[in-house]
Amino acid sequence: MLDPKKLLNDLLNSSVPGTEGTVKDTASQLGQKAKENPLATGAIAAVLLGTGVGRSITGSALQLGAVAAVGGLAYKAYQNYKNGDKPEEVTDNNQEIEVLPPPDDSEFALDAAPQGADEFTLSLVKAMIAAARADGHINADERARIAEKLKLNGYDEDVQSFIRAELAKPVDLDKLVDSAQTEAQRVELYTASRLAIEPKTRAERGYLDMLAGRLSLPDALVDHVEATISSATVSA
């Protein structure tokens, strides 16, 4: 049975058994291990993104679990935006920011999802997979390679079938955008997408810009999401 929360945790997994050192060191080691041997990390993101891994959550965000981390990052960015803070103020001190789960009475809390927690979590997973495909590098041969690696890595048939289907069908941006039913969910959907990739190509940057536009996110809010992610994650 497909477990959306576990799948999202796998996509953002930054834990590498046997590594030592600081949190940032560990995340850096994960990125290197993912490049050398994606199966060794146990992270689906390493399989999907290859060497184009996006951001690994670190510090306090790492302790929350993927669902709460996405919500916490999105909530913090939204609050900074609403408070009128400047995005550069978040990153000026060059220190990791503290990321907490969104308050229980907030729209960012998973239990507040009107469509249900599992359904929205699955939307976050789909958003990450769609972002991973933004540069168009996942062709038929790559899909076959990914399918084989997922099988070898021990993921059950439900997970394999879901990912194969998501990789094979065209990205339906309309459906993805419509899956976010509240303003908070629109911010979370963009946050998850941004965590999936480090936009180094025009296609990747263009996809994120288009997604932000379709989600009706103000430029200043997007800048806050970028700043918050930068301060609570490390490039893998």
Protein backbone atom coordinates (compact mmCIF):
# COMPACT_ATOMS: atom_id res chain seq x y z
CA MET A 1 0.00 0.00 0.00
CA LEU A 2 1.30 3.43 -0.95
CA ASP A 3 2.20 5.53 2.10
CA PRO A 4 2.40 9.20 0.97
CA LYS A 5 4.15 10.39 4.13
CA LYS A 6 6.84 7.71 3.90
CA LEU A 7 7.32 8.45 0.21
CA LEU A 8 7.77 12.16 0.90
CA ASN A 9 10.24 11.32 3.67
CA ASP A 10 12.19 9.17 1.20
CA LEU A 11 12.25 12.03 -1.29
CA LEU A 12 13.72 14.40 1.29
CA ASN A 13 15.69 11.87 3.31
CA SER A 14 18.99 13.33 4.47
CA SER A 15 20.02 10.56 6.85
CA VAL A 16 23.05 8.49 5.98
CA PRO A 17 23.83 5.73 8.48
CA GLY A 18 27.46 5.67 9.53
CA THR A 19 28.30 9.26 8.71
CA GLU A 20 29.63 11.62 11.35
CA GLY A 21 30.23 15.31 11.76
CA THR A 22 27.97 18.32 11.60
CA VAL A 23 24.52 18.30 10.07
CA LYS A 24 25.80 20.21 7.07
CA ASP A 25 28.67 17.77 6.69
CA THR A 26 26.21 14.88 6.77
CA ALA A 27 24.02 16.46 4.11
CA SER A 28 27.08 17.12 1.98
CA GLN A 29 28.14 13.48 2.34
CA LEU A 30 24.66 12.43 1.27
CA GLY A 31 24.98 14.46 -1.90
CA GLN A 32 28.30 12.85 -2.73
CA LYS A 33 27.02 9.36 -1.94
CA ALA A 34 23.96 9.99 -4.09
CA LYS A 35 26.21 10.89 -7.00
CA GLU A 36 28.44 7.86 -6.52
CA ASN A 37 25.79 5.27 -5.66
CA PRO A 38 22.14 6.39 -5.40
CA LEU A 39 21.05 3.06 -3.91
CA ALA A 40 23.34 3.50 -0.90
CA THR A 41 21.39 6.50 0.40
CA GLY A 42 17.93 4.95 0.42
CA ALA A 43 16.55 8.24 -0.92
CA ILE A 44 14.22 8.14 -3.92
CA ALA A 45 15.29 11.68 -4.74
CA ALA A 46 18.80 10.42 -5.44
CA VAL A 47 17.37 7.92 -7.90
CA LEU A 48 15.01 10.39 -9.55
CA LEU A 49 17.31 13.36 -9.73
CA GLY A 50 20.65 11.68 -10.33
CA THR A 51 23.37 14.31 -9.96
CA GLY A 52 20.79 17.10 -10.12
CA VAL A 53 19.78 16.74 -6.49
CA GLY A 54 18.16 19.87 -5.07
CA ARG A 55 18.27 20.80 -1.38
CA SER A 56 18.68 18.55 1.66
CA ILE A 57 16.96 19.73 4.80
CA THR A 58 19.29 20.27 7.75
CA GLY A 59 19.30 21.44 11.33
CA SER A 60 15.95 21.77 13.09
CA ALA A 61 14.05 21.06 9.86
CA LEU A 62 15.77 17.68 9.60
CA GLN A 63 14.26 16.59 12.92
CA LEU A 64 10.67 17.29 11.87
CA GLY A 65 10.14 14.72 9.16
CA ALA A 66 9.46 15.67 5.55
CA VAL A 67 5.80 16.66 5.81
CA ALA A 68 6.30 18.92 8.81
CA ALA A 69 9.52 20.30 7.32
CA VAL A 70 7.80 21.39 4.11
CA GLY A 71 4.96 22.92 6.10
CA GLY A 72 7.35 24.55 8.56
CA LEU A 73 9.53 26.07 5.84
CA ALA A 74 6.50 27.34 3.94
CA TYR A 75 4.93 28.76 7.10
CA LYS A 76 8.11 30.56 8.16
CA ALA A 77 8.54 32.07 4.69
CA TYR A 78 4.89 33.16 4.65
CA GLN A 79 5.11 34.74 8.11
CA ASN A 80 8.27 36.66 7.17
CA TYR A 81 6.52 37.86 4.02
CA LYS A 82 3.41 38.95 5.93
CA ASN A 83 5.54 40.71 8.55
CA GLY A 84 7.13 42.83 5.85
CA ASP A 85 10.62 41.47 6.45
CA LYS A 86 13.15 41.63 3.64
CA PRO A 87 14.29 38.24 2.22
CA GLU A 88 17.95 39.22 2.48
CA GLU A 89 17.55 39.69 6.23
CA VAL A 90 16.92 35.96 6.54
CA THR A 91 20.26 35.04 4.98
CA ASP A 92 22.43 37.99 6.04
CA ASN A 93 23.67 36.38 9.26
CA ASN A 94 24.72 33.25 7.37
CA GLN A 95 23.31 31.01 10.11
CA GLU A 96 20.82 28.18 9.93
CA ILE A 97 17.36 29.34 10.95
CA GLU A 98 15.17 27.40 13.34
CA VAL A 99 12.30 25.67 11.59
CA LEU A 100 9.33 24.54 13.65
CA PRO A 101 6.21 22.62 12.65
CA PRO A 102 3.40 24.96 11.60
CA PRO A 103 1.00 25.76 14.45
CA ASP A 104 -1.90 23.35 14.84
CA ASP A 105 -4.41 26.15 14.24
CA SER A 106 -2.66 27.25 11.05
CA GLU A 107 -3.75 26.43 7.50
CA PHE A 108 -0.21 25.11 7.05
CA ALA A 109 -0.90 22.28 9.52
CA LEU A 110 -1.39 19.00 7.66
CA ASP A 111 -4.52 18.17 9.64
CA ALA A 112 -6.08 21.35 8.22
CA ALA A 113 -5.89 20.02 4.65
CA PRO A 114 -9.49 20.11 3.36
CA GLN A 115 -8.84 17.23 0.93
CA GLY A 116 -7.25 15.08 3.63
CA ALA A 117 -3.66 14.75 4.83
CA ASP A 118 -2.69 11.78 2.66
CA GLU A 119 -4.11 13.26 -0.53
CA PHE A 120 -2.29 16.56 -0.08
CA THR A 121 0.94 14.81 0.89
CA LEU A 122 0.67 12.86 -2.36
CA SER A 123 0.28 16.18 -4.18
CA LEU A 124 3.57 17.33 -2.63
CA VAL A 125 5.24 14.14 -3.87
CA LYS A 126 3.84 14.69 -7.36
CA ALA A 127 5.08 18.29 -7.28
CA MET A 128 8.61 17.12 -6.47
CA ILE A 129 8.58 14.52 -9.24
CA ALA A 130 7.25 17.10 -11.73
CA ALA A 131 10.02 19.51 -10.75
CA ALA A 132 12.61 16.75 -11.14
CA ARG A 133 11.45 16.33 -14.73
CA ALA A 134 11.68 20.03 -15.54
CA ASP A 135 14.94 19.81 -17.49
CA GLY A 136 13.59 16.99 -19.65
CA HIS A 137 16.45 14.59 -18.91
CA ILE A 138 14.17 11.68 -17.93
CA ASN A 139 13.57 9.88 -21.24
CA ALA A 140 12.36 6.32 -21.85
CA ASP A 141 15.78 4.80 -21.18
CA GLU A 142 16.14 6.81 -17.98
CA ARG A 143 12.68 5.72 -16.83
CA ALA A 144 13.66 2.08 -17.33
CA ARG A 145 16.85 2.63 -15.34
CA ILE A 146 14.93 4.30 -12.52
CA ALA A 147 12.36 1.49 -12.44
CA GLU A 148 15.12 -1.08 -12.10
CA LYS A 149 16.81 0.85 -9.31
CA LEU A 150 13.55 1.23 -7.40
CA LYS A 151 13.02 -2.51 -7.64
CA LEU A 152 16.55 -3.29 -6.50
CA ASN A 153 16.18 -0.82 -3.65
CA GLY A 154 13.28 -2.79 -2.21
CA TYR A 155 10.36 -0.43 -2.82
CA ASP A 156 7.08 -2.32 -3.06
CA GLU A 157 5.03 -2.60 -6.22
CA ASP A 158 2.62 0.17 -5.21
CA VAL A 159 5.47 2.67 -4.92
CA GLN A 160 7.11 1.45 -8.11
CA SER A 161 3.85 1.63 -10.07
CA PHE A 162 3.09 5.12 -8.77
CA ILE A 163 6.51 6.50 -9.69
CA ARG A 164 6.55 4.76 -13.09
CA ALA A 165 3.16 6.29 -13.86
CA GLU A 166 4.22 9.76 -12.76
CA LEU A 167 7.36 9.60 -14.89
CA ALA A 168 5.60 8.23 -17.96
CA LYS A 169 2.67 10.62 -18.25
CA PRO A 170 2.95 14.29 -19.27
CA VAL A 171 3.15 16.74 -16.38
CA ASP A 172 -0.38 18.09 -15.84
CA LEU A 173 0.36 21.51 -14.40
CA ASP A 174 -3.33 22.42 -14.26
CA LYS A 175 -4.11 19.39 -12.12
CA LEU A 176 -1.06 19.99 -9.93
CA VAL A 177 -1.99 23.62 -9.31
CA ASP A 178 -5.63 22.73 -8.66
CA SER A 179 -4.55 20.20 -6.02
CA ALA A 180 -3.62 23.14 -3.76
CA GLN A 181 -6.96 24.22 -2.31
CA THR A 182 -5.77 26.97 0.03
CA GLU A 183 -3.23 29.78 -0.05
CA ALA A 184 -1.10 27.87 2.44
CA GLN A 185 -1.09 24.79 0.23
CA ARG A 186 -0.02 26.85 -2.78
CA VAL A 187 3.02 28.03 -0.81
CA GLU A 188 3.76 24.46 0.33
CA LEU A 189 3.47 23.11 -3.21
CA TYR A 190 6.05 25.60 -4.45
CA THR A 191 8.28 24.92 -1.43
CA ALA A 192 8.29 21.17 -2.10
CA SER A 193 9.04 21.76 -5.79
CA ARG A 194 11.94 24.07 -4.94
CA LEU A 195 13.37 21.52 -2.51
CA ALA A 196 13.40 18.92 -5.30
CA ILE A 197 15.75 20.78 -7.62
CA GLU A 198 18.59 23.26 -7.63
CA PRO A 199 17.61 25.36 -10.68
CA LYS A 200 20.81 25.56 -12.69
CA THR A 201 19.26 25.44 -16.15
CA ARG A 202 16.83 27.76 -17.90
CA ALA A 203 14.31 24.94 -18.06
CA GLU A 204 14.41 24.37 -14.29
CA ARG A 205 14.28 28.07 -13.41
CA GLY A 206 11.58 28.60 -16.01
CA TYR A 207 9.51 25.78 -14.57
CA LEU A 208 9.68 27.17 -11.04
CA ASP A 209 8.83 30.67 -12.26
CA MET A 210 5.88 29.32 -14.25
CA LEU A 211 4.70 27.28 -11.27
CA ALA A 212 4.88 30.31 -8.96
CA GLY A 213 2.89 32.31 -11.49
CA ARG A 214 0.25 29.63 -11.89
CA LEU A 215 -0.03 29.38 -8.10
CA SER A 216 -0.51 33.17 -7.96
CA LEU A 217 2.38 33.62 -5.55
CA PRO A 218 3.68 37.21 -5.33
CA ASP A 219 7.31 37.66 -6.28
CA ALA A 220 8.16 38.87 -2.78
CA LEU A 221 6.67 35.70 -1.26
CA VAL A 222 8.64 33.52 -3.67
CA ASP A 223 11.79 35.41 -2.67
CA HIS A 224 11.02 34.61 0.97
CA VAL A 225 10.57 30.92 0.17
CA GLU A 226 13.92 30.94 -1.61
CA ALA A 227 15.63 32.71 1.30
CA THR A 228 14.09 30.43 3.91
CA ILE A 229 15.01 27.27 2.02
CA SER A 230 18.55 28.56 1.52
CA SER A 231 18.92 29.17 5.25
CA ALA A 232 17.52 25.81 6.37
CA THR A 233 18.95 23.48 3.76
CA VAL A 234 22.20 22.65 2.05
CA SER A 235 22.78 21.98 -1.62
CA ALA A 236 23.18 18.25 -2.17
